[in-house]
Amino acid sequence: MASKIDNMFAASRFVLPEQRELYLQHREDMKLVKMPELEQDELESFHYLIRDSAREDYAITITWWQPVKEDLGKIFSMWGVIKWMDQNSRRVKLVNDEESRWIQMEAIIDVIP
């Protein structure tokens, strides 16, 4: 059962649209997380798996952090095969059956074969 604090609209009958919008924005902001700190050996392992996926053409799952507000952001995940590595921009192109996406190397927080 949700408490009145979790659902501030349950007690009142009339809520201004601005109040509702601020409340919903606050709830979204509470879901944001800081970028995880990674060790150098983890980064090297990620880079190896990415290069191997591109060379051997097998699927991997990449999890990355995308900034939303200052140092807070959301975490996304996608599976696919690495089709292109852009060394100048430090990004990779991950492609699967439904979509393709460019992902910055600095934003990657996990790679699963």
PDB file of N, CA and C in Angstrom:
ATOM      1  N   MET A   1       0.848  -1.178   0.000  1.00  0.00           N
ATOM      2  CA  MET A   1       0.000   0.000   0.000  1.00  0.00           C
ATOM      3  C   MET A   1       0.889   1.235   0.000  1.00  0.00           C
ATOM      4  N   ALA A   2       0.627   2.171  -0.859  1.00  0.00           N
ATOM      5  CA  ALA A   2       1.430   3.395  -0.971  1.00  0.00           C
ATOM      6  C   ALA A   2       1.078   4.360   0.147  1.00  0.00           C
ATOM      7  N   SER A   3       2.103   4.960   0.709  1.00  0.00           N
ATOM      8  CA  SER A   3       1.863   5.942   1.754  1.00  0.00           C
ATOM      9  C   SER A   3       1.460   7.265   1.125  1.00  0.00           C
ATOM     10  N   LYS A   4       0.989   8.186   1.965  1.00  0.00           N
ATOM     11  CA  LYS A   4       0.572   9.499   1.455  1.00  0.00           C
ATOM     12  C   LYS A   4       1.756  10.286   0.917  1.00  0.00           C
ATOM     13  N   ILE A   5       2.940  10.033   1.452  1.00  0.00           N
ATOM     14  CA  ILE A   5       4.126  10.729   0.955  1.00  0.00           C
ATOM     15  C   ILE A   5       4.456  10.255  -0.454  1.00  0.00           C
ATOM     16  N   ASP A   6       4.321   8.953  -0.705  1.00  0.00           N
ATOM     17  CA  ASP A   6       4.590   8.417  -2.034  1.00  0.00           C
ATOM     18  C   ASP A   6       3.573   8.896  -3.059  1.00  0.00           C
ATOM     19  N   ASN A   7       2.333   9.095  -2.626  1.00  0.00           N
ATOM     20  CA  ASN A   7       1.290   9.545  -3.533  1.00  0.00           C
ATOM     21  C   ASN A   7       0.634  10.780  -2.934  1.00  0.00           C
ATOM     22  N   MET A   8       1.231  11.938  -3.178  1.00  0.00           N
ATOM     23  CA  MET A   8       0.741  13.161  -2.565  1.00  0.00           C
ATOM     24  C   MET A   8      -0.602  13.599  -3.132  1.00  0.00           C
ATOM     25  N   PHE A   9      -1.032  13.018  -4.244  1.00  0.00           N
ATOM     26  CA  PHE A   9      -2.287  13.421  -4.866  1.00  0.00           C
ATOM     27  C   PHE A   9      -3.485  12.659  -4.300  1.00  0.00           C
ATOM     28  N   ALA A  10      -3.246  11.652  -3.490  1.00  0.00           N
ATOM     29  CA  ALA A  10      -4.341  10.848  -2.961  1.00  0.00           C
ATOM     30  C   ALA A  10      -5.186  11.641  -1.964  1.00  0.00           C
ATOM     31  N   ALA A  11      -4.574  12.524  -1.182  1.00  0.00           N
ATOM     32  CA  ALA A  11      -5.291  13.241  -0.137  1.00  0.00           C
ATOM     33  C   ALA A  11      -6.053  14.443  -0.681  1.00  0.00           C
ATOM     34  N   SER A  12      -5.579  15.026  -1.746  1.00  0.00           N
ATOM     35  CA  SER A  12      -6.229  16.233  -2.254  1.00  0.00           C
ATOM     36  C   SER A  12      -7.030  15.922  -3.511  1.00  0.00           C
ATOM     37  N   ARG A  13      -8.049  16.725  -3.729  1.00  0.00           N
ATOM     38  CA  ARG A  13      -8.877  16.523  -4.908  1.00  0.00           C
ATOM     39  C   ARG A  13      -8.428  17.394  -6.066  1.00  0.00           C
ATOM     40  N   PHE A  14      -7.860  18.531  -5.762  1.00  0.00           N
ATOM     41  CA  PHE A  14      -7.482  19.460  -6.816  1.00  0.00           C
ATOM     42  C   PHE A  14      -5.981  19.709  -6.774  1.00  0.00           C
ATOM     43  N   VAL A  15      -5.321  19.441  -7.878  1.00  0.00           N
ATOM     44  CA  VAL A  15      -3.883  19.655  -7.982  1.00  0.00           C
ATOM     45  C   VAL A  15      -3.630  20.472  -9.234  1.00  0.00           C
ATOM     46  N   LEU A  16      -2.863  21.509  -9.074  1.00  0.00           N
ATOM     47  CA  LEU A  16      -2.523  22.336 -10.221  1.00  0.00           C
ATOM     48  C   LEU A  16      -1.626  21.546 -11.175  1.00  0.00           C
ATOM     49  N   PRO A  17      -1.750  21.780 -12.462  1.00  0.00           N
ATOM     50  CA  PRO A  17      -0.885  21.076 -13.417  1.00  0.00           C
ATOM     51  C   PRO A  17       0.600  21.317 -13.156  1.00  0.00           C
ATOM     52  N   GLU A  18       0.955  22.507 -12.685  1.00  0.00           N
ATOM     53  CA  GLU A  18       2.357  22.804 -12.379  1.00  0.00           C
ATOM     54  C   GLU A  18       2.856  21.957 -11.217  1.00  0.00           C
ATOM     55  N   GLN A  19       1.980  21.752 -10.207  1.00  0.00           N
ATOM     56  CA  GLN A  19       2.357  20.925  -9.067  1.00  0.00           C
ATOM     57  C   GLN A  19       2.569  19.477  -9.497  1.00  0.00           C
ATOM     58  N   ARG A  20       1.663  18.994 -10.314  1.00  0.00           N
ATOM     59  CA  ARG A  20       1.776  17.618 -10.795  1.00  0.00           C
ATOM     60  C   ARG A  20       3.054  17.446 -11.615  1.00  0.00           C
ATOM     61  N   GLU A  21       3.341  18.399 -12.481  1.00  0.00           N
ATOM     62  CA  GLU A  21       4.541  18.323 -13.314  1.00  0.00           C
ATOM     63  C   GLU A  21       5.810  18.340 -12.468  1.00  0.00           C
ATOM     64  N   LEU A  22       5.853  19.207 -11.453  1.00  0.00           N
ATOM     65  CA  LEU A  22       7.018  19.256 -10.565  1.00  0.00           C
ATOM     66  C   LEU A  22       7.177  17.950  -9.792  1.00  0.00           C
ATOM     67  N   TYR A  23       6.073  17.391  -9.337  1.00  0.00           N
ATOM     68  CA  TYR A  23       6.120  16.130  -8.601  1.00  0.00           C
ATOM     69  C   TYR A  23       6.641  15.006  -9.497  1.00  0.00           C
ATOM     70  N   LEU A  24       6.124  14.927 -10.716  1.00  0.00           N
ATOM     71  CA  LEU A  24       6.569  13.879 -11.635  1.00  0.00           C
ATOM     72  C   LEU A  24       8.034  14.069 -12.013  1.00  0.00           C
ATOM     73  N   GLN A  25       8.484  15.304 -12.175  1.00  0.00           N
ATOM     74  CA  GLN A  25       9.887  15.576 -12.472  1.00  0.00           C
ATOM     75  C   GLN A  25      10.778  15.156 -11.304  1.00  0.00           C
ATOM     76  N   HIS A  26      10.311  15.426 -10.093  1.00  0.00           N
ATOM     77  CA  HIS A  26      11.058  15.022  -8.894  1.00  0.00           C
ATOM     78  C   HIS A  26      11.190  13.498  -8.831  1.00  0.00           C
ATOM     79  N   ARG A  27      10.111  12.782  -9.162  1.00  0.00           N
ATOM     80  CA  ARG A  27      10.157  11.322  -9.158  1.00  0.00           C
ATOM     81  C   ARG A  27      11.145  10.791 -10.196  1.00  0.00           C
ATOM     82  N   GLU A  28      11.198  11.438 -11.365  1.00  0.00           N
ATOM     83  CA  GLU A  28      12.156  11.044 -12.397  1.00  0.00           C
ATOM     84  C   GLU A  28      13.586  11.335 -11.945  1.00  0.00           C
ATOM     85  N   ASP A  29      13.794  12.470 -11.297  1.00  0.00           N
ATOM     86  CA  ASP A  29      15.129  12.832 -10.823  1.00  0.00           C
ATOM     87  C   ASP A  29      15.638  11.855  -9.772  1.00  0.00           C
ATOM     88  N   MET A  30      14.739  11.270  -9.002  1.00  0.00           N
ATOM     89  CA  MET A  30      15.147  10.309  -7.974  1.00  0.00           C
ATOM     90  C   MET A  30      15.679   9.011  -8.598  1.00  0.00           C
ATOM     91  N   LYS A  31      15.338   8.732  -9.850  1.00  0.00           N
ATOM     92  CA  LYS A  31      15.794   7.523 -10.540  1.00  0.00           C
ATOM     93  C   LYS A  31      17.192   7.677 -11.129  1.00  0.00           C
ATOM     94  N   LEU A  32      17.713   8.903 -11.192  1.00  0.00           N
ATOM     95  CA  LEU A  32      19.017   9.145 -11.802  1.00  0.00           C
ATOM     96  C   LEU A  32      20.132   8.671 -10.884  1.00  0.00           C
ATOM     97  N   VAL A  33      21.227   8.214 -11.495  1.00  0.00           N
ATOM     98  CA  VAL A  33      22.370   7.699 -10.736  1.00  0.00           C
ATOM     99  C   VAL A  33      23.661   8.364 -11.221  1.00  0.00           C
ATOM    100  N   LYS A  34      24.670   8.325 -10.369  1.00  0.00           N
ATOM    101  CA  LYS A  34      25.994   8.810 -10.766  1.00  0.00           C
ATOM    102  C   LYS A  34      26.690   7.746 -11.602  1.00  0.00           C
ATOM    103  N   MET A  35      27.637   8.186 -12.412  1.00  0.00           N
ATOM    104  CA  MET A  35      28.388   7.229 -13.227  1.00  0.00           C
ATOM    105  C   MET A  35      29.280   6.378 -12.319  1.00  0.00           C
ATOM    106  N   PRO A  36      29.206   5.063 -12.466  1.00  0.00           N
ATOM    107  CA  PRO A  36      30.039   4.186 -11.634  1.00  0.00           C
ATOM    108  C   PRO A  36      31.522   4.378 -11.938  1.00  0.00           C
ATOM    109  N   GLU A  37      32.335   4.255 -10.905  1.00  0.00           N
ATOM    110  CA  GLU A  37      33.794   4.321 -11.056  1.00  0.00           C
ATOM    111  C   GLU A  37      34.288   2.931 -11.467  1.00  0.00           C
ATOM    112  N   LEU A  38      35.118   2.892 -12.501  1.00  0.00           N
ATOM    113  CA  LEU A  38      35.627   1.617 -13.003  1.00  0.00           C
ATOM    114  C   LEU A  38      37.134   1.536 -12.831  1.00  0.00           C
ATOM    115  N   GLU A  39      37.617   0.335 -12.569  1.00  0.00           N
ATOM    116  CA  GLU A  39      39.048   0.086 -12.445  1.00  0.00           C
ATOM    117  C   GLU A  39      39.662  -0.084 -13.832  1.00  0.00           C
ATOM    118  N   GLN A  40      40.958   0.111 -13.927  1.00  0.00           N
ATOM    119  CA  GLN A  40      41.651   0.012 -15.209  1.00  0.00           C
ATOM    120  C   GLN A  40      41.556  -1.383 -15.815  1.00  0.00           C
ATOM    121  N   ASP A  41      41.625  -2.426 -14.977  1.00  0.00           N
ATOM    122  CA  ASP A  41      41.540  -3.781 -15.517  1.00  0.00           C
ATOM    123  C   ASP A  41      40.147  -4.089 -16.067  1.00  0.00           C
ATOM    124  N   GLU A  42      39.099  -3.499 -15.484  1.00  0.00           N
ATOM    125  CA  GLU A  42      37.753  -3.662 -16.029  1.00  0.00           C
ATOM    126  C   GLU A  42      37.650  -3.016 -17.412  1.00  0.00           C
ATOM    127  N   LEU A  43      38.206  -1.817 -17.542  1.00  0.00           N
ATOM    128  CA  LEU A  43      38.183  -1.113 -18.827  1.00  0.00           C
ATOM    129  C   LEU A  43      38.924  -1.906 -19.898  1.00  0.00           C
ATOM    130  N   GLU A  44      40.067  -2.462 -19.540  1.00  0.00           N
ATOM    131  CA  GLU A  44      40.831  -3.266 -20.492  1.00  0.00           C
ATOM    132  C   GLU A  44      40.049  -4.508 -20.917  1.00  0.00           C
ATOM    133  N   SER A  45      39.353  -5.117 -19.981  1.00  0.00           N
ATOM    134  CA  SER A  45      38.528  -6.286 -20.293  1.00  0.00           C
ATOM    135  C   SER A  45      37.396  -5.902 -21.253  1.00  0.00           C
ATOM    136  N   PHE A  46      36.754  -4.750 -21.017  1.00  0.00           N
ATOM    137  CA  PHE A  46      35.689  -4.268 -21.902  1.00  0.00           C
ATOM    138  C   PHE A  46      36.225  -4.043 -23.312  1.00  0.00           C
ATOM    139  N   HIS A  47      37.381  -3.395 -23.412  1.00  0.00           N
ATOM    140  CA  HIS A  47      37.968  -3.095 -24.718  1.00  0.00           C
ATOM    141  C   HIS A  47      38.326  -4.390 -25.462  1.00  0.00           C
ATOM    142  N   TYR A  48      38.823  -5.374 -24.736  1.00  0.00           N
ATOM    143  CA  TYR A  48      39.153  -6.660 -25.362  1.00  0.00           C
ATOM    144  C   TYR A  48      37.892  -7.320 -25.921  1.00  0.00           C
ATOM    145  N   LEU A  49      36.807  -7.356 -25.127  1.00  0.00           N
ATOM    146  CA  LEU A  49      35.565  -7.977 -25.579  1.00  0.00           C
ATOM    147  C   LEU A  49      34.970  -7.235 -26.775  1.00  0.00           C
ATOM    148  N   ILE A  50      35.076  -5.919 -26.780  1.00  0.00           N
ATOM    149  CA  ILE A  50      34.561  -5.114 -27.892  1.00  0.00           C
ATOM    150  C   ILE A  50      35.349  -5.400 -29.163  1.00  0.00           C
ATOM    151  N   ARG A  51      36.682  -5.398 -29.061  1.00  0.00           N
ATOM    152  CA  ARG A  51      37.512  -5.707 -30.235  1.00  0.00           C
ATOM    153  C   ARG A  51      37.245  -7.123 -30.740  1.00  0.00           C
ATOM    154  N   ASP A  52      37.089  -8.068 -29.820  1.00  0.00           N
ATOM    155  CA  ASP A  52      36.849  -9.450 -30.198  1.00  0.00           C
ATOM    156  C   ASP A  52      35.486  -9.607 -30.880  1.00  0.00           C
ATOM    157  N   SER A  53      34.474  -8.887 -30.388  1.00  0.00           N
ATOM    158  CA  SER A  53      33.155  -8.930 -31.020  1.00  0.00           C
ATOM    159  C   SER A  53      33.215  -8.385 -32.443  1.00  0.00           C
ATOM    160  N   ALA A  54      33.970  -7.328 -32.640  1.00  0.00           N
ATOM    161  CA  ALA A  54      34.105  -6.752 -33.977  1.00  0.00           C
ATOM    162  C   ALA A  54      34.868  -7.695 -34.909  1.00  0.00           C
ATOM    163  N   ARG A  55      35.903  -8.330 -34.390  1.00  0.00           N
ATOM    164  CA  ARG A  55      36.745  -9.211 -35.216  1.00  0.00           C
ATOM    165  C   ARG A  55      36.051 -10.536 -35.511  1.00  0.00           C
ATOM    166  N   GLU A  56      35.443 -11.151 -34.507  1.00  0.00           N
ATOM    167  CA  GLU A  56      34.850 -12.485 -34.658  1.00  0.00           C
ATOM    168  C   GLU A  56      33.360 -12.455 -34.984  1.00  0.00           C
ATOM    169  N   ASP A  57      32.746 -11.295 -34.977  1.00  0.00           N
ATOM    170  CA  ASP A  57      31.345 -11.109 -35.362  1.00  0.00           C
ATOM    171  C   ASP A  57      30.384 -11.904 -34.461  1.00  0.00           C
ATOM    172  N   TYR A  58      30.529 -11.745 -33.130  1.00  0.00           N
ATOM    173  CA  TYR A  58      29.572 -12.364 -32.212  1.00  0.00           C
ATOM    174  C   TYR A  58      28.935 -11.290 -31.336  1.00  0.00           C
ATOM    175  N   ALA A  59      27.737 -11.593 -30.827  1.00  0.00           N
ATOM    176  CA  ALA A  59      26.953 -10.614 -30.079  1.00  0.00           C
ATOM    177  C   ALA A  59      27.462 -10.454 -28.646  1.00  0.00           C
ATOM    178  N   ILE A  60      27.378  -9.214 -28.179  1.00  0.00           N
ATOM    179  CA  ILE A  60      27.686  -8.869 -26.791  1.00  0.00           C
ATOM    180  C   ILE A  60      26.586  -7.941 -26.284  1.00  0.00           C
ATOM    181  N   THR A  61      26.526  -7.795 -24.979  1.00  0.00           N
ATOM    182  CA  THR A  61      25.602  -6.846 -24.369  1.00  0.00           C
ATOM    183  C   THR A  61      26.433  -5.733 -23.749  1.00  0.00           C
ATOM    184  N   ILE A  62      26.151  -4.495 -24.158  1.00  0.00           N
ATOM    185  CA  ILE A  62      26.864  -3.336 -23.630  1.00  0.00           C
ATOM    186  C   ILE A  62      25.916  -2.539 -22.750  1.00  0.00           C
ATOM    187  N   THR A  63      26.396  -2.158 -21.574  1.00  0.00           N
ATOM    188  CA  THR A  63      25.669  -1.290 -20.663  1.00  0.00           C
ATOM    189  C   THR A  63      26.442   0.017 -20.579  1.00  0.00           C
ATOM    190  N   TRP A  64      25.724   1.135 -20.744  1.00  0.00           N
ATOM    191  CA  TRP A  64      26.394   2.430 -20.707  1.00  0.00           C
ATOM    192  C   TRP A  64      25.584   3.429 -19.908  1.00  0.00           C
ATOM    193  N   TRP A  65      26.273   4.480 -19.474  1.00  0.00           N
ATOM    194  CA  TRP A  65      25.681   5.553 -18.683  1.00  0.00           C
ATOM    195  C   TRP A  65      25.535   6.773 -19.574  1.00  0.00           C
ATOM    196  N   GLN A  66      24.353   7.397 -19.535  1.00  0.00           N
ATOM    197  CA  GLN A  66      24.101   8.582 -20.348  1.00  0.00           C
ATOM    198  C   GLN A  66      23.724   9.739 -19.426  1.00  0.00           C
ATOM    199  N   PRO A  67      24.456  10.856 -19.500  1.00  0.00           N
ATOM    200  CA  PRO A  67      24.163  11.982 -18.600  1.00  0.00           C
ATOM    201  C   PRO A  67      22.814  12.622 -18.904  1.00  0.00           C
ATOM    202  N   VAL A  68      22.131  13.047 -17.829  1.00  0.00           N
ATOM    203  CA  VAL A  68      20.853  13.740 -17.963  1.00  0.00           C
ATOM    204  C   VAL A  68      20.938  15.113 -17.318  1.00  0.00           C
ATOM    205  N   LYS A  69      21.368  15.146 -16.052  1.00  0.00           N
ATOM    206  CA  LYS A  69      21.499  16.403 -15.309  1.00  0.00           C
ATOM    207  C   LYS A  69      22.848  16.409 -14.605  1.00  0.00           C
ATOM    208  N   GLU A  70      23.693  17.367 -14.973  1.00  0.00           N
ATOM    209  CA  GLU A  70      25.012  17.543 -14.370  1.00  0.00           C
ATOM    210  C   GLU A  70      25.757  16.219 -14.273  1.00  0.00           C
ATOM    211  N   ASP A  71      25.976  15.696 -13.055  1.00  0.00           N
ATOM    212  CA  ASP A  71      26.728  14.448 -12.906  1.00  0.00           C
ATOM    213  C   ASP A  71      25.812  13.244 -12.681  1.00  0.00           C
ATOM    214  N   LEU A  72      24.511  13.405 -12.924  1.00  0.00           N
ATOM    215  CA  LEU A  72      23.550  12.314 -12.793  1.00  0.00           C
ATOM    216  C   LEU A  72      23.055  11.894 -14.166  1.00  0.00           C
ATOM    217  N   GLY A  73      22.721  10.615 -14.289  1.00  0.00           N
ATOM    218  CA  GLY A  73      22.253  10.127 -15.579  1.00  0.00           C
ATOM    219  C   GLY A  73      21.512   8.814 -15.449  1.00  0.00           C
ATOM    220  N   LYS A  74      21.221   8.219 -16.592  1.00  0.00           N
ATOM    221  CA  LYS A  74      20.511   6.949 -16.652  1.00  0.00           C
ATOM    222  C   LYS A  74      21.427   5.881 -17.232  1.00  0.00           C
ATOM    223  N   ILE A  75      21.115   4.635 -16.901  1.00  0.00           N
ATOM    224  CA  ILE A  75      21.875   3.498 -17.406  1.00  0.00           C
ATOM    225  C   ILE A  75      21.024   2.767 -18.444  1.00  0.00           C
ATOM    226  N   PHE A  76      21.639   2.507 -19.596  1.00  0.00           N
ATOM    227  CA  PHE A  76      20.979   1.818 -20.699  1.00  0.00           C
ATOM    228  C   PHE A  76      21.761   0.558 -21.042  1.00  0.00           C
ATOM    229  N   SER A  77      21.080  -0.377 -21.674  1.00  0.00           N
ATOM    230  CA  SER A  77      21.719  -1.627 -22.071  1.00  0.00           C
ATOM    231  C   SER A  77      21.186  -2.039 -23.438  1.00  0.00           C
ATOM    232  N   MET A  78      22.074  -2.644 -24.240  1.00  0.00           N
ATOM    233  CA  MET A  78      21.677  -3.106 -25.576  1.00  0.00           C
ATOM    234  C   MET A  78      22.590  -4.253 -25.983  1.00  0.00           C
ATOM    235  N   TRP A  79      22.036  -5.223 -26.684  1.00  0.00           N
ATOM    236  CA  TRP A  79      22.843  -6.325 -27.208  1.00  0.00           C
ATOM    237  C   TRP A  79      23.020  -6.122 -28.706  1.00  0.00           C
ATOM    238  N   GLY A  80      24.077  -6.693 -29.221  1.00  0.00           N
ATOM    239  CA  GLY A  80      24.327  -6.627 -30.652  1.00  0.00           C
ATOM    240  C   GLY A  80      25.771  -6.959 -30.971  1.00  0.00           C
ATOM    241  N   VAL A  81      26.125  -6.719 -32.225  1.00  0.00           N
ATOM    242  CA  VAL A  81      27.477  -6.977 -32.724  1.00  0.00           C
ATOM    243  C   VAL A  81      28.126  -5.638 -33.033  1.00  0.00           C
ATOM    244  N   ILE A  82      29.403  -5.507 -32.694  1.00  0.00           N
ATOM    245  CA  ILE A  82      30.148  -4.295 -33.020  1.00  0.00           C
ATOM    246  C   ILE A  82      30.448  -4.312 -34.516  1.00  0.00           C
ATOM    247  N   LYS A  83      29.930  -3.321 -35.231  1.00  0.00           N
ATOM    248  CA  LYS A  83      30.144  -3.248 -36.685  1.00  0.00           C
ATOM    249  C   LYS A  83      31.175  -2.196 -37.067  1.00  0.00           C
ATOM    250  N   TRP A  84      31.414  -1.235 -36.216  1.00  0.00           N
ATOM    251  CA  TRP A  84      32.363  -0.177 -36.549  1.00  0.00           C
ATOM    252  C   TRP A  84      32.957   0.392 -35.271  1.00  0.00           C
ATOM    253  N   MET A  85      34.271   0.651 -35.299  1.00  0.00           N
ATOM    254  CA  MET A  85      34.951   1.306 -34.181  1.00  0.00           C
ATOM    255  C   MET A  85      35.580   2.586 -34.716  1.00  0.00           C
ATOM    256  N   ASP A  86      35.136   3.724 -34.205  1.00  0.00           N
ATOM    257  CA  ASP A  86      35.655   5.022 -34.616  1.00  0.00           C
ATOM    258  C   ASP A  86      36.738   5.437 -33.620  1.00  0.00           C
ATOM    259  N   GLN A  87      37.989   5.303 -34.026  1.00  0.00           N
ATOM    260  CA  GLN A  87      39.120   5.592 -33.132  1.00  0.00           C
ATOM    261  C   GLN A  87      39.239   7.086 -32.827  1.00  0.00           C
ATOM    262  N   ASN A  88      38.914   7.939 -33.793  1.00  0.00           N
ATOM    263  CA  ASN A  88      39.043   9.386 -33.585  1.00  0.00           C
ATOM    264  C   ASN A  88      38.032   9.913 -32.573  1.00  0.00           C
ATOM    265  N   SER A  89      36.792   9.487 -32.688  1.00  0.00           N
ATOM    266  CA  SER A  89      35.740   9.944 -31.776  1.00  0.00           C
ATOM    267  C   SER A  89      35.600   9.054 -30.548  1.00  0.00           C
ATOM    268  N   ARG A  90      36.339   7.962 -30.494  1.00  0.00           N
ATOM    269  CA  ARG A  90      36.301   7.007 -29.387  1.00  0.00           C
ATOM    270  C   ARG A  90      34.870   6.526 -29.125  1.00  0.00           C
ATOM    271  N   ARG A  91      34.279   5.920 -30.164  1.00  0.00           N
ATOM    272  CA  ARG A  91      32.938   5.373 -30.049  1.00  0.00           C
ATOM    273  C   ARG A  91      32.835   4.111 -30.887  1.00  0.00           C
ATOM    274  N   VAL A  92      31.823   3.295 -30.570  1.00  0.00           N
ATOM    275  CA  VAL A  92      31.589   2.052 -31.298  1.00  0.00           C
ATOM    276  C   VAL A  92      30.151   2.033 -31.795  1.00  0.00           C
ATOM    277  N   LYS A  93      29.940   1.324 -32.897  1.00  0.00           N
ATOM    278  CA  LYS A  93      28.594   1.177 -33.437  1.00  0.00           C
ATOM    279  C   LYS A  93      28.107  -0.230 -33.125  1.00  0.00           C
ATOM    280  N   LEU A  94      27.071  -0.315 -32.301  1.00  0.00           N
ATOM    281  CA  LEU A  94      26.474  -1.584 -31.896  1.00  0.00           C
ATOM    282  C   LEU A  94      25.204  -1.795 -32.720  1.00  0.00           C
ATOM    283  N   VAL A  95      25.115  -2.934 -33.387  1.00  0.00           N
ATOM    284  CA  VAL A  95      23.999  -3.204 -34.294  1.00  0.00           C
ATOM    285  C   VAL A  95      23.344  -4.524 -33.900  1.00  0.00           C
ATOM    286  N   ASN A  96      21.986  -4.520 -33.844  1.00  0.00           N
ATOM    287  CA  ASN A  96      21.242  -5.771 -33.660  1.00  0.00           C
ATOM    288  C   ASN A  96      20.102  -5.806 -34.670  1.00  0.00           C
ATOM    289  N   ASP A  97      19.134  -6.697 -34.491  1.00  0.00           N
ATOM    290  CA  ASP A  97      18.048  -6.878 -35.455  1.00  0.00           C
ATOM    291  C   ASP A  97      17.142  -5.656 -35.572  1.00  0.00           C
ATOM    292  N   GLU A  98      16.935  -4.930 -34.479  1.00  0.00           N
ATOM    293  CA  GLU A  98      15.993  -3.813 -34.474  1.00  0.00           C
ATOM    294  C   GLU A  98      16.618  -2.445 -34.682  1.00  0.00           C
ATOM    295  N   GLU A  99      17.832  -2.237 -34.196  1.00  0.00           N
ATOM    296  CA  GLU A  99      18.405  -0.895 -34.231  1.00  0.00           C
ATOM    297  C   GLU A  99      19.924  -0.924 -34.255  1.00  0.00           C
ATOM    298  N   SER A 100      20.488   0.244 -34.490  1.00  0.00           N
ATOM    299  CA  SER A 100      21.937   0.422 -34.373  1.00  0.00           C
ATOM    300  C   SER A 100      22.168   1.711 -33.595  1.00  0.00           C
ATOM    301  N   ARG A 101      23.267   1.741 -32.828  1.00  0.00           N
ATOM    302  CA  ARG A 101      23.519   2.886 -31.962  1.00  0.00           C
ATOM    303  C   ARG A 101      25.015   3.106 -31.814  1.00  0.00           C
ATOM    304  N   TRP A 102      25.411   4.379 -31.866  1.00  0.00           N
ATOM    305  CA  TRP A 102      26.785   4.766 -31.556  1.00  0.00           C
ATOM    306  C   TRP A 102      26.893   4.968 -30.059  1.00  0.00           C
ATOM    307  N   ILE A 103      27.904   4.365 -29.432  1.00  0.00           N
ATOM    308  CA  ILE A 103      28.103   4.461 -27.981  1.00  0.00           C
ATOM    309  C   ILE A 103      29.513   4.961 -27.721  1.00  0.00           C
ATOM    310  N   GLN A 104      29.639   5.987 -26.902  1.00  0.00           N
ATOM    311  CA  GLN A 104      30.937   6.528 -26.524  1.00  0.00           C
ATOM    312  C   GLN A 104      31.678   5.527 -25.634  1.00  0.00           C
ATOM    313  N   MET A 105      32.956   5.339 -25.889  1.00  0.00           N
ATOM    314  CA  MET A 105      33.760   4.389 -25.108  1.00  0.00           C
ATOM    315  C   MET A 105      33.837   4.793 -23.631  1.00  0.00           C
ATOM    316  N   GLU A 106      33.884   6.102 -23.353  1.00  0.00           N
ATOM    317  CA  GLU A 106      33.986   6.573 -21.976  1.00  0.00           C
ATOM    318  C   GLU A 106      32.715   6.311 -21.172  1.00  0.00           C
ATOM    319  N   ALA A 107      31.587   6.111 -21.857  1.00  0.00           N
ATOM    320  CA  ALA A 107      30.300   5.911 -21.176  1.00  0.00           C
ATOM    321  C   ALA A 107      30.029   4.444 -20.857  1.00  0.00           C
ATOM    322  N   ILE A 108      30.794   3.522 -21.433  1.00  0.00           N
ATOM    323  CA  ILE A 108      30.550   2.090 -21.228  1.00  0.00           C
ATOM    324  C   ILE A 108      30.915   1.699 -19.809  1.00  0.00           C
ATOM    325  N   ILE A 109      29.964   1.015 -19.128  1.00  0.00           N
ATOM    326  CA  ILE A 109      30.210   0.599 -17.751  1.00  0.00           C
ATOM    327  C   ILE A 109      30.213  -0.913 -17.586  1.00  0.00           C
ATOM    328  N   ASP A 110      29.752  -1.651 -18.627  1.00  0.00           N
ATOM    329  CA  ASP A 110      29.783  -3.113 -18.535  1.00  0.00           C
ATOM    330  C   ASP A 110      29.651  -3.718 -19.928  1.00  0.00           C
ATOM    331  N   VAL A 111      30.338  -4.824 -20.137  1.00  0.00           N
ATOM    332  CA  VAL A 111      30.244  -5.591 -21.390  1.00  0.00           C
ATOM    333  C   VAL A 111      30.140  -7.055 -21.019  1.00  0.00           C
ATOM    334  N   ILE A 112      29.100  -7.699 -21.558  1.00  0.00           N
ATOM    335  CA  ILE A 112      28.871  -9.113 -21.269  1.00  0.00           C
ATOM    336  C   ILE A 112      28.887  -9.887 -22.585  1.00  0.00           C
ATOM    337  N   PRO A 113      29.730 -10.922 -22.697  1.00  0.00           N
ATOM    338  CA  PRO A 113      29.766 -11.708 -23.952  1.00  0.00           C
ATOM    339  C   PRO A 113      28.523 -12.559 -24.123  1.00  0.00           C
TER     340      PRO A 113
END
